[in-house]
Amino acid sequence: MATKAAPKKTKTATRSGAKATNRIVKGSSQVARVRRHFRVRKKVVGSSERPRLVVSRSTRHLFAQIVDDSKQITLASASTMETDLRQDSGDKTKKARKVGQLLADRAKAKGISAVVFDRGGNRFHGRVAALAEGARENGLDF
């Protein structure tokens, strides 16, 4: 009679006893990022007057969107997945700066001039900082 093997345990990030919605199986760097994101989100909340600029990062692409948390809607977004940015030559940091500039232009077109920056648990360095600089250059205040 064969016995069943115990299921593999996965690491989950928790905040005040509640489990995170995504289960993380990889190493501790992702667990640390989720933990940092929870810590940032406790303090950073977007409103109608000052929506939240959210940055999501993968190894290849960068995604940014401006969200009104009170209405739970996305007001503007930009990413390196867009066709004009995909065809650009240059490294990922230069593309991140262009994403920030594009997002700031789209935000100004919708009448948004000030936002709260949510780095998404990522360190404010490299591509995330380049996106912020690009958005500031085009007149977005945070």
N, C-alpha and C. Protein backbone atom coordinates (compact mmCIF):
# COMPACT_ATOMS: atom_id res chain seq x y z
N MET A 1 0.84 -1.18 0.00
CA MET A 1 0.00 0.00 0.00
C MET A 1 0.89 1.24 0.00
N ALA A 2 0.72 2.09 -1.01
CA ALA A 2 1.55 3.28 -1.15
C ALA A 2 0.96 4.43 -0.34
N THR A 3 1.84 5.22 0.22
CA THR A 3 1.38 6.39 0.98
C THR A 3 1.53 7.63 0.11
N LYS A 4 0.67 8.58 0.33
CA LYS A 4 0.72 9.82 -0.43
C LYS A 4 1.79 10.74 0.14
N ALA A 5 2.49 11.44 -0.77
CA ALA A 5 3.49 12.40 -0.34
C ALA A 5 2.80 13.68 0.10
N ALA A 6 3.39 14.33 1.07
CA ALA A 6 2.82 15.58 1.56
C ALA A 6 2.95 16.65 0.47
N PRO A 7 1.94 17.51 0.31
CA PRO A 7 2.03 18.56 -0.72
C PRO A 7 3.14 19.56 -0.39
N LYS A 8 3.71 20.11 -1.46
CA LYS A 8 4.80 21.06 -1.29
C LYS A 8 4.26 22.34 -0.68
N LYS A 9 4.92 22.85 0.36
CA LYS A 9 4.48 24.07 1.00
C LYS A 9 4.97 25.26 0.19
N THR A 10 4.12 26.28 0.10
CA THR A 10 4.49 27.50 -0.62
C THR A 10 4.56 28.65 0.36
N LYS A 11 5.42 29.59 0.06
CA LYS A 11 5.54 30.76 0.92
C LYS A 11 4.50 31.78 0.49
N THR A 12 3.84 32.38 1.48
CA THR A 12 2.89 33.44 1.18
C THR A 12 3.20 34.64 2.05
N ALA A 13 3.03 35.79 1.49
CA ALA A 13 3.21 37.01 2.27
C ALA A 13 1.91 37.32 2.98
N THR A 14 1.98 37.71 4.23
CA THR A 14 0.77 38.02 4.96
C THR A 14 0.84 39.43 5.51
N ARG A 15 -0.32 40.00 5.70
CA ARG A 15 -0.43 41.31 6.30
C ARG A 15 -1.56 41.24 7.30
N SER A 16 -1.28 41.50 8.52
CA SER A 16 -2.24 41.45 9.62
C SER A 16 -3.08 40.17 9.60
N GLY A 17 -2.40 39.06 9.38
CA GLY A 17 -3.06 37.77 9.46
C GLY A 17 -3.75 37.31 8.19
N ALA A 18 -3.97 38.19 7.23
CA ALA A 18 -4.65 37.81 5.99
C ALA A 18 -3.63 37.36 4.95
N LYS A 19 -3.93 36.29 4.26
CA LYS A 19 -3.01 35.80 3.25
C LYS A 19 -3.12 36.63 1.98
N ALA A 20 -2.00 36.73 1.27
CA ALA A 20 -1.97 37.46 0.01
C ALA A 20 -2.75 36.69 -1.04
N THR A 21 -3.26 37.39 -2.03
CA THR A 21 -4.06 36.73 -3.05
C THR A 21 -3.19 35.89 -3.97
N ASN A 22 -1.95 36.29 -4.23
CA ASN A 22 -1.09 35.48 -5.09
C ASN A 22 -0.20 34.61 -4.21
N ARG A 23 -0.10 33.37 -4.61
CA ARG A 23 0.80 32.47 -3.90
C ARG A 23 2.14 32.53 -4.59
N ILE A 24 3.16 32.70 -3.82
CA ILE A 24 4.50 32.88 -4.36
C ILE A 24 5.32 31.65 -4.05
N VAL A 25 5.84 31.04 -5.09
CA VAL A 25 6.61 29.82 -4.92
C VAL A 25 8.10 30.10 -5.04
N LYS A 26 8.45 31.19 -5.74
CA LYS A 26 9.85 31.46 -6.00
C LYS A 26 10.58 31.92 -4.76
N GLY A 27 11.79 32.44 -4.95
CA GLY A 27 12.67 32.79 -3.85
C GLY A 27 12.22 33.96 -3.01
N SER A 28 13.04 34.29 -2.08
CA SER A 28 12.68 35.29 -1.08
C SER A 28 12.64 36.70 -1.63
N SER A 29 13.22 36.97 -2.81
CA SER A 29 13.18 38.33 -3.34
C SER A 29 11.75 38.71 -3.73
N GLN A 30 10.98 37.78 -4.27
CA GLN A 30 9.59 38.08 -4.60
C GLN A 30 8.75 38.22 -3.34
N VAL A 31 9.02 37.42 -2.34
CA VAL A 31 8.29 37.53 -1.08
C VAL A 31 8.58 38.89 -0.46
N ALA A 32 9.82 39.33 -0.53
CA ALA A 32 10.19 40.63 0.02
C ALA A 32 9.52 41.76 -0.75
N ARG A 33 9.41 41.64 -2.08
CA ARG A 33 8.75 42.68 -2.88
C ARG A 33 7.28 42.79 -2.52
N VAL A 34 6.60 41.66 -2.36
CA VAL A 34 5.18 41.68 -1.98
C VAL A 34 5.02 42.30 -0.60
N ARG A 35 5.92 41.98 0.31
CA ARG A 35 5.86 42.55 1.65
C ARG A 35 6.05 44.07 1.60
N ARG A 36 7.02 44.51 0.80
CA ARG A 36 7.25 45.95 0.65
C ARG A 36 6.03 46.63 0.03
N HIS A 37 5.39 45.97 -0.95
CA HIS A 37 4.22 46.55 -1.59
C HIS A 37 3.08 46.71 -0.60
N PHE A 38 2.84 45.73 0.25
CA PHE A 38 1.81 45.86 1.28
C PHE A 38 2.12 47.04 2.19
N ARG A 39 3.38 47.18 2.56
CA ARG A 39 3.77 48.26 3.45
C ARG A 39 3.56 49.63 2.80
N VAL A 40 3.87 49.73 1.51
CA VAL A 40 3.68 50.99 0.79
C VAL A 40 2.19 51.28 0.63
N ARG A 41 1.40 50.27 0.29
CA ARG A 41 -0.03 50.47 0.03
C ARG A 41 -0.81 50.87 1.28
N LYS A 42 -0.28 50.59 2.47
CA LYS A 42 -0.95 51.04 3.68
C LYS A 42 -0.95 52.56 3.75
N LYS A 43 0.08 53.18 3.19
CA LYS A 43 0.24 54.63 3.30
C LYS A 43 -0.19 55.37 2.03
N VAL A 44 -0.04 54.74 0.88
CA VAL A 44 -0.28 55.41 -0.40
C VAL A 44 -1.68 55.07 -0.90
N VAL A 45 -2.54 56.09 -0.97
CA VAL A 45 -3.91 55.90 -1.44
C VAL A 45 -4.21 57.02 -2.43
N GLY A 46 -4.72 56.65 -3.60
CA GLY A 46 -5.07 57.64 -4.59
C GLY A 46 -6.49 58.14 -4.40
N SER A 47 -6.71 59.40 -4.75
CA SER A 47 -8.04 60.00 -4.65
C SER A 47 -8.38 60.64 -5.98
N SER A 48 -9.54 61.26 -6.06
CA SER A 48 -9.93 61.95 -7.29
C SER A 48 -9.03 63.15 -7.55
N GLU A 49 -8.63 63.84 -6.48
CA GLU A 49 -7.77 65.01 -6.64
C GLU A 49 -6.33 64.61 -6.96
N ARG A 50 -5.84 63.55 -6.31
CA ARG A 50 -4.47 63.08 -6.50
C ARG A 50 -4.49 61.57 -6.68
N PRO A 51 -4.67 61.10 -7.93
CA PRO A 51 -4.72 59.65 -8.15
C PRO A 51 -3.34 59.01 -7.95
N ARG A 52 -3.32 57.70 -7.94
CA ARG A 52 -2.11 56.93 -7.66
C ARG A 52 -1.48 56.48 -8.97
N LEU A 53 -0.17 56.73 -9.13
CA LEU A 53 0.58 56.24 -10.28
C LEU A 53 1.23 54.92 -9.88
N VAL A 54 0.77 53.82 -10.45
CA VAL A 54 1.22 52.48 -10.08
C VAL A 54 2.23 52.00 -11.12
N VAL A 55 3.36 51.45 -10.65
CA VAL A 55 4.38 50.91 -11.54
C VAL A 55 4.46 49.41 -11.33
N SER A 56 4.34 48.66 -12.42
CA SER A 56 4.52 47.21 -12.39
C SER A 56 5.67 46.89 -13.32
N ARG A 57 6.53 45.97 -12.87
CA ARG A 57 7.75 45.72 -13.61
C ARG A 57 7.92 44.21 -13.79
N SER A 58 8.30 43.82 -15.01
CA SER A 58 8.70 42.44 -15.26
C SER A 58 10.15 42.48 -15.71
N THR A 59 10.70 41.34 -16.02
CA THR A 59 12.10 41.34 -16.44
C THR A 59 12.28 42.01 -17.79
N ARG A 60 11.24 42.02 -18.62
CA ARG A 60 11.37 42.56 -19.96
C ARG A 60 10.61 43.86 -20.18
N HIS A 61 9.49 44.04 -19.49
CA HIS A 61 8.63 45.19 -19.75
C HIS A 61 8.32 45.96 -18.48
N LEU A 62 7.76 47.15 -18.69
CA LEU A 62 7.37 48.04 -17.60
C LEU A 62 5.96 48.54 -17.90
N PHE A 63 5.10 48.55 -16.89
CA PHE A 63 3.72 48.96 -17.05
C PHE A 63 3.43 50.03 -16.01
N ALA A 64 2.73 51.09 -16.41
CA ALA A 64 2.36 52.15 -15.47
C ALA A 64 0.93 52.57 -15.74
N GLN A 65 0.21 52.84 -14.67
CA GLN A 65 -1.16 53.32 -14.83
C GLN A 65 -1.49 54.29 -13.71
N ILE A 66 -2.40 55.19 -14.00
CA ILE A 66 -2.87 56.15 -13.02
C ILE A 66 -4.27 55.71 -12.60
N VAL A 67 -4.44 55.46 -11.29
CA VAL A 67 -5.66 54.85 -10.76
C VAL A 67 -6.31 55.77 -9.74
N ASP A 68 -7.62 55.93 -9.84
CA ASP A 68 -8.41 56.61 -8.83
C ASP A 68 -8.97 55.53 -7.90
N ASP A 69 -8.42 55.45 -6.69
CA ASP A 69 -8.82 54.38 -5.77
C ASP A 69 -10.22 54.58 -5.21
N SER A 70 -10.71 55.80 -5.15
CA SER A 70 -12.05 56.02 -4.60
C SER A 70 -13.12 55.48 -5.55
N LYS A 71 -12.90 55.59 -6.86
CA LYS A 71 -13.84 55.06 -7.85
C LYS A 71 -13.40 53.71 -8.41
N GLN A 72 -12.20 53.31 -8.11
CA GLN A 72 -11.60 52.05 -8.58
C GLN A 72 -11.59 51.97 -10.11
N ILE A 73 -11.08 53.03 -10.74
CA ILE A 73 -10.96 53.04 -12.19
C ILE A 73 -9.56 53.49 -12.60
N THR A 74 -9.14 53.03 -13.76
CA THR A 74 -7.86 53.44 -14.33
C THR A 74 -8.12 54.65 -15.22
N LEU A 75 -7.40 55.73 -14.96
CA LEU A 75 -7.59 56.97 -15.70
C LEU A 75 -6.69 57.05 -16.93
N ALA A 76 -5.46 56.58 -16.82
CA ALA A 76 -4.52 56.59 -17.94
C ALA A 76 -3.51 55.47 -17.72
N SER A 77 -2.96 54.98 -18.83
CA SER A 77 -1.96 53.92 -18.71
C SER A 77 -0.97 54.00 -19.87
N ALA A 78 0.20 53.41 -19.67
CA ALA A 78 1.23 53.32 -20.70
C ALA A 78 2.14 52.16 -20.34
N SER A 79 2.74 51.55 -21.35
CA SER A 79 3.67 50.46 -21.10
C SER A 79 4.63 50.31 -22.27
N THR A 80 5.66 49.50 -22.05
CA THR A 80 6.62 49.23 -23.12
C THR A 80 6.06 48.22 -24.11
N MET A 81 4.87 47.70 -23.87
CA MET A 81 4.24 46.76 -24.78
C MET A 81 3.58 47.46 -25.97
N GLU A 82 3.44 48.78 -25.91
CA GLU A 82 2.80 49.51 -26.99
C GLU A 82 3.69 49.49 -28.22
N THR A 83 3.08 49.51 -29.39
CA THR A 83 3.81 49.29 -30.64
C THR A 83 4.89 50.34 -30.89
N ASP A 84 4.61 51.61 -30.61
CA ASP A 84 5.62 52.63 -30.88
C ASP A 84 6.82 52.51 -29.94
N LEU A 85 6.60 52.06 -28.71
CA LEU A 85 7.72 51.88 -27.77
C LEU A 85 8.43 50.55 -28.00
N ARG A 86 7.73 49.54 -28.49
CA ARG A 86 8.36 48.25 -28.77
C ARG A 86 9.37 48.36 -29.88
N GLN A 87 9.08 49.21 -30.86
CA GLN A 87 9.96 49.34 -32.01
C GLN A 87 11.13 50.28 -31.75
N ASP A 88 11.09 51.03 -30.64
CA ASP A 88 12.20 51.93 -30.30
C ASP A 88 13.44 51.14 -30.00
N SER A 89 14.57 51.69 -30.43
CA SER A 89 15.83 51.08 -30.04
C SER A 89 16.27 51.74 -28.74
N GLY A 90 17.12 51.09 -28.02
CA GLY A 90 17.57 51.61 -26.74
C GLY A 90 17.38 50.58 -25.65
N ASP A 91 18.00 50.87 -24.52
CA ASP A 91 17.90 49.92 -23.42
C ASP A 91 16.59 50.12 -22.67
N LYS A 92 16.34 49.26 -21.68
CA LYS A 92 15.07 49.26 -20.96
C LYS A 92 14.89 50.53 -20.13
N THR A 93 15.99 51.13 -19.68
CA THR A 93 15.89 52.35 -18.89
C THR A 93 15.41 53.52 -19.75
N LYS A 94 15.91 53.61 -20.97
CA LYS A 94 15.47 54.67 -21.87
C LYS A 94 14.00 54.50 -22.24
N LYS A 95 13.59 53.26 -22.44
CA LYS A 95 12.18 53.00 -22.73
C LYS A 95 11.30 53.34 -21.53
N ALA A 96 11.80 53.09 -20.32
CA ALA A 96 11.04 53.43 -19.11
C ALA A 96 10.84 54.93 -19.01
N ARG A 97 11.86 55.71 -19.35
CA ARG A 97 11.73 57.17 -19.34
C ARG A 97 10.66 57.61 -20.34
N LYS A 98 10.63 56.97 -21.52
CA LYS A 98 9.63 57.31 -22.53
C LYS A 98 8.22 56.93 -22.07
N VAL A 99 8.11 55.84 -21.33
CA VAL A 99 6.81 55.44 -20.78
C VAL A 99 6.33 56.51 -19.80
N GLY A 100 7.23 57.03 -18.97
CA GLY A 100 6.87 58.09 -18.03
C GLY A 100 6.43 59.35 -18.74
N GLN A 101 7.13 59.71 -19.81
CA GLN A 101 6.76 60.90 -20.58
C GLN A 101 5.40 60.72 -21.25
N LEU A 102 5.17 59.55 -21.82
CA LEU A 102 3.91 59.26 -22.48
C LEU A 102 2.75 59.27 -21.49
N LEU A 103 2.98 58.69 -20.32
CA LEU A 103 1.93 58.66 -19.28
C LEU A 103 1.61 60.07 -18.79
N ALA A 104 2.63 60.90 -18.64
CA ALA A 104 2.40 62.28 -18.20
C ALA A 104 1.60 63.06 -19.24
N ASP A 105 1.89 62.84 -20.52
CA ASP A 105 1.13 63.50 -21.58
C ASP A 105 -0.33 63.07 -21.55
N ARG A 106 -0.58 61.78 -21.38
CA ARG A 106 -1.94 61.26 -21.33
C ARG A 106 -2.68 61.77 -20.09
N ALA A 107 -1.96 61.90 -18.98
CA ALA A 107 -2.57 62.40 -17.75
C ALA A 107 -2.95 63.87 -17.90
N LYS A 108 -2.06 64.66 -18.51
CA LYS A 108 -2.36 66.08 -18.71
C LYS A 108 -3.56 66.26 -19.64
N ALA A 109 -3.69 65.38 -20.62
CA ALA A 109 -4.83 65.44 -21.53
C ALA A 109 -6.15 65.18 -20.79
N LYS A 110 -6.09 64.39 -19.71
CA LYS A 110 -7.28 64.11 -18.91
C LYS A 110 -7.46 65.10 -17.76
N GLY A 111 -6.55 66.08 -17.65
CA GLY A 111 -6.67 67.09 -16.60
C GLY A 111 -6.04 66.70 -15.28
N ILE A 112 -5.12 65.74 -15.28
CA ILE A 112 -4.45 65.31 -14.06
C ILE A 112 -3.07 65.96 -14.03
N SER A 113 -2.77 66.68 -12.96
CA SER A 113 -1.47 67.33 -12.85
C SER A 113 -0.65 66.81 -11.68
N ALA A 114 -1.30 66.23 -10.67
CA ALA A 114 -0.59 65.74 -9.48
C ALA A 114 -1.02 64.31 -9.18
N VAL A 115 -0.05 63.47 -8.84
CA VAL A 115 -0.32 62.07 -8.51
C VAL A 115 0.47 61.68 -7.27
N VAL A 116 0.11 60.52 -6.72
CA VAL A 116 0.86 59.89 -5.64
C VAL A 116 1.59 58.71 -6.27
N PHE A 117 2.89 58.60 -6.03
CA PHE A 117 3.70 57.57 -6.70
C PHE A 117 3.71 56.29 -5.89
N ASP A 118 3.30 55.18 -6.51
CA ASP A 118 3.32 53.85 -5.90
C ASP A 118 4.31 53.00 -6.67
N ARG A 119 5.44 52.72 -6.08
CA ARG A 119 6.50 51.99 -6.78
C ARG A 119 6.24 50.49 -6.84
N GLY A 120 5.17 50.03 -6.26
CA GLY A 120 4.77 48.63 -6.36
C GLY A 120 5.69 47.67 -5.65
N GLY A 121 6.34 48.12 -4.59
CA GLY A 121 7.26 47.26 -3.85
C GLY A 121 8.64 47.17 -4.46
N ASN A 122 8.82 47.74 -5.65
CA ASN A 122 10.14 47.75 -6.28
C ASN A 122 10.97 48.87 -5.68
N ARG A 123 12.28 48.71 -5.73
CA ARG A 123 13.15 49.76 -5.23
C ARG A 123 13.12 50.94 -6.18
N PHE A 124 13.22 52.15 -5.65
CA PHE A 124 13.21 53.36 -6.47
C PHE A 124 14.61 53.51 -7.07
N HIS A 125 14.84 52.77 -8.13
CA HIS A 125 16.17 52.68 -8.74
C HIS A 125 16.00 52.18 -10.15
N GLY A 126 16.88 52.58 -11.05
CA GLY A 126 16.87 52.04 -12.40
C GLY A 126 15.65 52.43 -13.19
N ARG A 127 14.91 51.42 -13.67
CA ARG A 127 13.75 51.67 -14.54
C ARG A 127 12.62 52.40 -13.83
N VAL A 128 12.40 52.08 -12.56
CA VAL A 128 11.33 52.74 -11.81
C VAL A 128 11.65 54.22 -11.63
N ALA A 129 12.89 54.54 -11.31
CA ALA A 129 13.31 55.93 -11.15
C ALA A 129 13.29 56.67 -12.49
N ALA A 130 13.66 55.98 -13.58
CA ALA A 130 13.64 56.60 -14.90
C ALA A 130 12.21 56.95 -15.32
N LEU A 131 11.26 56.08 -15.02
CA LEU A 131 9.86 56.37 -15.32
C LEU A 131 9.40 57.60 -14.54
N ALA A 132 9.77 57.69 -13.27
CA ALA A 132 9.39 58.84 -12.46
C ALA A 132 10.01 60.13 -13.00
N GLU A 133 11.26 60.08 -13.41
CA GLU A 133 11.93 61.27 -13.96
C GLU A 133 11.27 61.70 -15.26
N GLY A 134 10.93 60.75 -16.11
CA GLY A 134 10.26 61.07 -17.36
C GLY A 134 8.90 61.72 -17.14
N ALA A 135 8.17 61.23 -16.14
CA ALA A 135 6.86 61.81 -15.84
C ALA A 135 7.01 63.21 -15.26
N ARG A 136 8.02 63.41 -14.42
CA ARG A 136 8.27 64.75 -13.85
C ARG A 136 8.68 65.74 -14.93
N GLU A 137 9.50 65.28 -15.88
CA GLU A 137 9.96 66.16 -16.96
C GLU A 137 8.80 66.70 -17.77
N ASN A 138 7.77 65.90 -17.95
CA ASN A 138 6.61 66.33 -18.75
C ASN A 138 5.51 66.96 -17.90
N GLY A 139 5.84 67.36 -16.69
CA GLY A 139 4.91 68.19 -15.91
C GLY A 139 4.03 67.48 -14.91
N LEU A 140 4.23 66.21 -14.65
CA LEU A 140 3.44 65.52 -13.64
C LEU A 140 4.08 65.76 -12.28
N ASP A 141 3.29 66.14 -11.31
CA ASP A 141 3.79 66.51 -9.98
C ASP A 141 3.52 65.39 -8.98
N PHE A 142 4.59 64.94 -8.30
CA PHE A 142 4.42 63.99 -7.18
C PHE A 142 5.57 64.09 -6.23
